[in-house]
Amino acid sequence: MPDPIVRYSLEQFALLLAAYKPGRRINAVHLHHTWRPNHSQWRGQASVEAMRRFHMEENHWSDIAQHLTLDPAGGLWSGRPWTKAPASSAGANGTADEGPFMIEMVGDFDLGKDVFEGEQKATMLGVVARLVIHFDLDPGDPDLKKAVRFHRELNQGKKTCPGTSLDLDATRGEIAAEA
């Protein structure tokens, strides 16, 4: 049975990260958007629990796909244990020993849909910068091309995830500036 899903702040995330005992080496961060629910459909805990149920009952995964869910107000929701590989993208999930940390950002960030801004964006930048620093993901990769990946890079463009309004190089630059 998976652990209960709980909400926490960026500061609480930083404390959890500092206390993390390496049971799995994190070698990248994968960024996704939910598409559904979008911002107007978001219902907090009920939405995260619904995602988990769908992932487990319909997809037959052991838990929710992501390690962390980022809500429209910048809140963070726990997910799959960090010691387990995510269900990020077939062939790119890593192993029980090493692999990516997956973040699911609530919203539909394709052009003309939800806007990725404010606390949600600030929290994403803060979380990913902390992951880059903590797991030392930038040596020899100052542009974070291996360290920070959009889902659409991993699936040969079959999806727009995390949305056509998000620019990969600009996002990496903003994360690098935070780190």
C-alpha atoms as a PDB file:
ATOM      1  CA  MET A   1       0.000   0.000   0.000  1.00  0.00           C
ATOM      2  CA  PRO A   2       1.488   3.382  -0.988  1.00  0.00           C
ATOM      3  CA  ASP A   3       2.183   6.058   1.604  1.00  0.00           C
ATOM      4  CA  PRO A   4      -0.504   8.729   2.111  1.00  0.00           C
ATOM      5  CA  ILE A   5      -0.167  11.790  -0.099  1.00  0.00           C
ATOM      6  CA  VAL A   6       0.658  14.950   1.842  1.00  0.00           C
ATOM      7  CA  ARG A   7       1.072  18.605   0.875  1.00  0.00           C
ATOM      8  CA  TYR A   8       4.152  20.585   1.801  1.00  0.00           C
ATOM      9  CA  SER A   9       5.852  23.882   1.110  1.00  0.00           C
ATOM     10  CA  LEU A  10       9.109  24.595  -0.688  1.00  0.00           C
ATOM     11  CA  GLU A  11      10.795  25.021   2.694  1.00  0.00           C
ATOM     12  CA  GLN A  12       9.520  21.628   3.858  1.00  0.00           C
ATOM     13  CA  PHE A  13      10.701  20.092   0.574  1.00  0.00           C
ATOM     14  CA  ALA A  14      14.175  21.549   1.177  1.00  0.00           C
ATOM     15  CA  LEU A  15      14.264  19.862   4.617  1.00  0.00           C
ATOM     16  CA  LEU A  16      13.137  16.528   3.143  1.00  0.00           C
ATOM     17  CA  LEU A  17      15.791  16.813   0.451  1.00  0.00           C
ATOM     18  CA  ALA A  18      18.522  17.593   2.990  1.00  0.00           C
ATOM     19  CA  ALA A  19      17.520  14.509   4.993  1.00  0.00           C
ATOM     20  CA  TYR A  20      17.324  12.192   1.953  1.00  0.00           C
ATOM     21  CA  LYS A  21      19.581   9.176   2.370  1.00  0.00           C
ATOM     22  CA  PRO A  22      20.682   8.028  -1.058  1.00  0.00           C
ATOM     23  CA  GLY A  23      18.844   4.828  -1.795  1.00  0.00           C
ATOM     24  CA  ARG A  24      18.748   5.700  -5.477  1.00  0.00           C
ATOM     25  CA  ARG A  25      21.055   8.075  -7.340  1.00  0.00           C
ATOM     26  CA  ILE A  26      19.141  10.879  -9.029  1.00  0.00           C
ATOM     27  CA  ASN A  27      20.762  11.738 -12.380  1.00  0.00           C
ATOM     28  CA  ALA A  28      18.168  14.076 -13.959  1.00  0.00           C
ATOM     29  CA  VAL A  29      14.874  15.888 -13.411  1.00  0.00           C
ATOM     30  CA  HIS A  30      11.946  15.175 -15.743  1.00  0.00           C
ATOM     31  CA  LEU A  31       9.259  17.862 -16.036  1.00  0.00           C
ATOM     32  CA  HIS A  32       5.688  17.052 -17.080  1.00  0.00           C
ATOM     33  CA  HIS A  33       2.323  18.792 -17.072  1.00  0.00           C
ATOM     34  CA  THR A  34      -0.876  17.023 -16.093  1.00  0.00           C
ATOM     35  CA  TRP A  35      -2.887  18.371 -19.064  1.00  0.00           C
ATOM     36  CA  ARG A  36      -5.867  17.119 -17.029  1.00  0.00           C
ATOM     37  CA  PRO A  37      -6.574  18.304 -14.453  1.00  0.00           C
ATOM     38  CA  ASN A  38      -5.879  21.792 -15.705  1.00  0.00           C
ATOM     39  CA  HIS A  39      -5.883  24.824 -13.413  1.00  0.00           C
ATOM     40  CA  SER A  40      -9.684  25.225 -13.331  1.00  0.00           C
ATOM     41  CA  GLN A  41     -10.208  21.507 -12.660  1.00  0.00           C
ATOM     42  CA  TRP A  42      -7.726  21.345  -9.768  1.00  0.00           C
ATOM     43  CA  ARG A  43      -9.310  20.203  -6.470  1.00  0.00           C
ATOM     44  CA  GLY A  44      -6.255  19.725  -4.234  1.00  0.00           C
ATOM     45  CA  GLN A  45      -5.881  16.406  -2.436  1.00  0.00           C
ATOM     46  CA  ALA A  46      -8.844  14.922  -4.325  1.00  0.00           C
ATOM     47  CA  SER A  47      -7.108  15.588  -7.651  1.00  0.00           C
ATOM     48  CA  VAL A  48      -3.814  13.996  -6.568  1.00  0.00           C
ATOM     49  CA  GLU A  49      -5.655  10.977  -5.161  1.00  0.00           C
ATOM     50  CA  ALA A  50      -7.585  10.656  -8.445  1.00  0.00           C
ATOM     51  CA  MET A  51      -4.301  10.716 -10.387  1.00  0.00           C
ATOM     52  CA  ARG A  52      -2.914   7.998  -8.124  1.00  0.00           C
ATOM     53  CA  ARG A  53      -6.035   5.839  -8.533  1.00  0.00           C
ATOM     54  CA  PHE A  54      -5.881   6.212 -12.317  1.00  0.00           C
ATOM     55  CA  HIS A  55      -2.189   5.341 -12.448  1.00  0.00           C
ATOM     56  CA  MET A  56      -2.656   2.285 -10.251  1.00  0.00           C
ATOM     57  CA  GLU A  57      -6.052   0.980 -11.412  1.00  0.00           C
ATOM     58  CA  GLU A  58      -5.993   1.874 -15.117  1.00  0.00           C
ATOM     59  CA  ASN A  59      -2.255   1.817 -15.893  1.00  0.00           C
ATOM     60  CA  HIS A  60      -1.504  -0.962 -13.377  1.00  0.00           C
ATOM     61  CA  TRP A  61       1.513   0.877 -11.965  1.00  0.00           C
ATOM     62  CA  SER A  62       2.658   0.306  -8.384  1.00  0.00           C
ATOM     63  CA  ASP A  63       1.962   3.934  -7.414  1.00  0.00           C
ATOM     64  CA  ILE A  64       1.374   7.399  -8.823  1.00  0.00           C
ATOM     65  CA  ALA A  65       3.851   8.057 -11.667  1.00  0.00           C
ATOM     66  CA  GLN A  66       5.574  11.133 -10.238  1.00  0.00           C
ATOM     67  CA  HIS A  67       7.722  11.790  -7.214  1.00  0.00           C
ATOM     68  CA  LEU A  68       6.227  15.250  -6.769  1.00  0.00           C
ATOM     69  CA  THR A  69       3.124  17.115  -7.938  1.00  0.00           C
ATOM     70  CA  LEU A  70       3.245  20.921  -8.148  1.00  0.00           C
ATOM     71  CA  ASP A  71      -0.158  22.603  -7.818  1.00  0.00           C
ATOM     72  CA  PRO A  72      -1.277  25.940  -9.341  1.00  0.00           C
ATOM     73  CA  ALA A  73      -0.686  27.817  -6.043  1.00  0.00           C
ATOM     74  CA  GLY A  74       2.882  26.499  -5.697  1.00  0.00           C
ATOM     75  CA  GLY A  75       2.044  23.743  -3.220  1.00  0.00           C
ATOM     76  CA  LEU A  76       3.947  20.475  -3.416  1.00  0.00           C
ATOM     77  CA  TRP A  77       2.326  17.073  -3.054  1.00  0.00           C
ATOM     78  CA  SER A  78       4.171  13.876  -2.239  1.00  0.00           C
ATOM     79  CA  GLY A  79       3.983  10.961  -4.619  1.00  0.00           C
ATOM     80  CA  ARG A  80       6.017   7.914  -5.507  1.00  0.00           C
ATOM     81  CA  PRO A  81       8.863   7.301  -3.038  1.00  0.00           C
ATOM     82  CA  TRP A  82      12.083   8.956  -4.207  1.00  0.00           C
ATOM     83  CA  THR A  83      13.839   5.604  -3.903  1.00  0.00           C
ATOM     84  CA  LYS A  84      11.710   4.162  -6.728  1.00  0.00           C
ATOM     85  CA  ALA A  85      11.995   4.815 -10.456  1.00  0.00           C
ATOM     86  CA  PRO A  86       9.161   6.989 -11.812  1.00  0.00           C
ATOM     87  CA  ALA A  87       6.786   6.161 -14.643  1.00  0.00           C
ATOM     88  CA  SER A  88       8.078   9.180 -16.563  1.00  0.00           C
ATOM     89  CA  SER A  89       8.644   7.950 -20.110  1.00  0.00           C
ATOM     90  CA  ALA A  90       9.156   4.438 -21.460  1.00  0.00           C
ATOM     91  CA  GLY A  91      12.862   3.699 -21.732  1.00  0.00           C
ATOM     92  CA  ALA A  92      13.871   6.748 -19.670  1.00  0.00           C
ATOM     93  CA  ASN A  93      12.736   5.845 -16.153  1.00  0.00           C
ATOM     94  CA  GLY A  94      16.061   4.553 -14.919  1.00  0.00           C
ATOM     95  CA  THR A  95      16.414   1.720 -12.450  1.00  0.00           C
ATOM     96  CA  ALA A  96      16.105   1.058  -8.751  1.00  0.00           C
ATOM     97  CA  ASP A  97      19.731   2.200  -8.445  1.00  0.00           C
ATOM     98  CA  GLU A  98      19.789   5.317 -10.631  1.00  0.00           C
ATOM     99  CA  GLY A  99      17.465   7.502 -12.648  1.00  0.00           C
ATOM    100  CA  PRO A 100      15.373  10.654 -12.853  1.00  0.00           C
ATOM    101  CA  PHE A 101      13.271  12.533 -10.333  1.00  0.00           C
ATOM    102  CA  MET A 102       9.863  13.192 -11.920  1.00  0.00           C
ATOM    103  CA  ILE A 103       7.786  16.324 -11.319  1.00  0.00           C
ATOM    104  CA  GLU A 104       4.213  16.693 -12.559  1.00  0.00           C
ATOM    105  CA  MET A 105       3.066  20.334 -12.813  1.00  0.00           C
ATOM    106  CA  VAL A 106      -0.713  20.727 -12.642  1.00  0.00           C
ATOM    107  CA  GLY A 107      -2.041  22.471 -15.729  1.00  0.00           C
ATOM    108  CA  ASP A 108      -2.383  22.469 -19.489  1.00  0.00           C
ATOM    109  CA  PHE A 109       0.522  24.641 -20.618  1.00  0.00           C
ATOM    110  CA  ASP A 110      -0.071  24.424 -24.347  1.00  0.00           C
ATOM    111  CA  LEU A 111      -0.334  27.854 -26.004  1.00  0.00           C
ATOM    112  CA  GLY A 112      -3.617  29.578 -25.220  1.00  0.00           C
ATOM    113  CA  LYS A 113      -4.383  27.388 -22.208  1.00  0.00           C
ATOM    114  CA  ASP A 114      -3.181  27.719 -18.577  1.00  0.00           C
ATOM    115  CA  VAL A 115      -0.335  30.158 -17.974  1.00  0.00           C
ATOM    116  CA  PHE A 116       2.712  28.876 -16.103  1.00  0.00           C
ATOM    117  CA  GLU A 117       3.569  31.782 -13.800  1.00  0.00           C
ATOM    118  CA  GLY A 118       3.572  33.136 -10.266  1.00  0.00           C
ATOM    119  CA  GLU A 119       4.001  30.831  -7.285  1.00  0.00           C
ATOM    120  CA  GLN A 120       3.750  27.706  -9.394  1.00  0.00           C
ATOM    121  CA  LYS A 121       6.659  28.755 -11.588  1.00  0.00           C
ATOM    122  CA  ALA A 122       8.693  30.123  -8.661  1.00  0.00           C
ATOM    123  CA  THR A 123       8.249  26.875  -6.752  1.00  0.00           C
ATOM    124  CA  MET A 124       9.241  24.767  -9.762  1.00  0.00           C
ATOM    125  CA  LEU A 125      12.409  26.824 -10.207  1.00  0.00           C
ATOM    126  CA  GLY A 126      13.195  26.501  -6.502  1.00  0.00           C
ATOM    127  CA  VAL A 127      12.574  22.749  -6.386  1.00  0.00           C
ATOM    128  CA  VAL A 128      14.562  21.937  -9.514  1.00  0.00           C
ATOM    129  CA  ALA A 129      17.453  24.237  -8.527  1.00  0.00           C
ATOM    130  CA  ARG A 130      17.641  22.478  -5.157  1.00  0.00           C
ATOM    131  CA  LEU A 131      17.611  19.066  -6.858  1.00  0.00           C
ATOM    132  CA  VAL A 132      20.383  20.165  -9.256  1.00  0.00           C
ATOM    133  CA  ILE A 133      22.520  21.360  -6.346  1.00  0.00           C
ATOM    134  CA  HIS A 134      21.779  18.475  -3.969  1.00  0.00           C
ATOM    135  CA  PHE A 135      22.396  15.739  -6.547  1.00  0.00           C
ATOM    136  CA  ASP A 136      25.263  17.622  -8.233  1.00  0.00           C
ATOM    137  CA  LEU A 137      23.583  17.409 -11.643  1.00  0.00           C
ATOM    138  CA  ASP A 138      25.460  20.200 -13.424  1.00  0.00           C
ATOM    139  CA  PRO A 139      29.178  19.232 -13.564  1.00  0.00           C
ATOM    140  CA  GLY A 140      30.194  19.557 -17.194  1.00  0.00           C
ATOM    141  CA  ASP A 141      26.586  20.445 -18.038  1.00  0.00           C
ATOM    142  CA  PRO A 142      26.253  24.196 -17.289  1.00  0.00           C
ATOM    143  CA  ASP A 143      23.265  24.455 -19.660  1.00  0.00           C
ATOM    144  CA  LEU A 144      21.542  21.571 -17.813  1.00  0.00           C
ATOM    145  CA  LYS A 145      20.861  19.752 -21.120  1.00  0.00           C
ATOM    146  CA  LYS A 146      21.197  16.332 -19.475  1.00  0.00           C
ATOM    147  CA  ALA A 147      20.069  17.349 -16.004  1.00  0.00           C
ATOM    148  CA  VAL A 148      16.664  18.907 -16.837  1.00  0.00           C
ATOM    149  CA  ARG A 149      14.466  17.213 -19.417  1.00  0.00           C
ATOM    150  CA  PHE A 150      11.001  17.966 -20.741  1.00  0.00           C
ATOM    151  CA  HIS A 151       8.770  14.938 -21.341  1.00  0.00           C
ATOM    152  CA  ARG A 152       8.485  15.835 -25.036  1.00  0.00           C
ATOM    153  CA  GLU A 153      12.250  15.303 -25.429  1.00  0.00           C
ATOM    154  CA  LEU A 154      11.906  11.749 -24.180  1.00  0.00           C
ATOM    155  CA  ASN A 155       9.083  10.577 -26.443  1.00  0.00           C
ATOM    156  CA  GLN A 156      10.235  11.762 -29.874  1.00  0.00           C
ATOM    157  CA  GLY A 157       7.724  14.610 -29.920  1.00  0.00           C
ATOM    158  CA  LYS A 158       4.641  12.400 -29.556  1.00  0.00           C
ATOM    159  CA  LYS A 159       3.406  14.775 -26.841  1.00  0.00           C
ATOM    160  CA  THR A 160       3.790  18.496 -26.208  1.00  0.00           C
ATOM    161  CA  CYS A 161       4.389  17.919 -22.493  1.00  0.00           C
ATOM    162  CA  PRO A 162       4.987  19.996 -20.424  1.00  0.00           C
ATOM    163  CA  GLY A 163       3.283  22.328 -22.885  1.00  0.00           C
ATOM    164  CA  THR A 164       4.015  24.327 -26.025  1.00  0.00           C
ATOM    165  CA  SER A 165       4.107  27.590 -24.055  1.00  0.00           C
ATOM    166  CA  LEU A 166       7.171  26.424 -22.098  1.00  0.00           C
ATOM    167  CA  ASP A 167      10.542  27.023 -23.717  1.00  0.00           C
ATOM    168  CA  LEU A 168      13.074  24.368 -22.748  1.00  0.00           C
ATOM    169  CA  ASP A 169      16.238  26.465 -23.104  1.00  0.00           C
ATOM    170  CA  ALA A 170      14.695  29.426 -21.266  1.00  0.00           C
ATOM    171  CA  THR A 171      13.504  27.135 -18.458  1.00  0.00           C
ATOM    172  CA  ARG A 172      16.941  25.578 -18.122  1.00  0.00           C
ATOM    173  CA  GLY A 173      18.468  29.069 -18.000  1.00  0.00           C
ATOM    174  CA  GLU A 174      16.104  30.156 -15.224  1.00  0.00           C
ATOM    175  CA  ILE A 175      16.863  27.010 -13.227  1.00  0.00           C
ATOM    176  CA  ALA A 176      20.633  27.504 -13.702  1.00  0.00           C
ATOM    177  CA  ALA A 177      20.275  31.094 -12.445  1.00  0.00           C
ATOM    178  CA  GLU A 178      18.514  29.793  -9.291  1.00  0.00           C
ATOM    179  CA  ALA A 179      21.101  27.099  -8.715  1.00  0.00           C
END
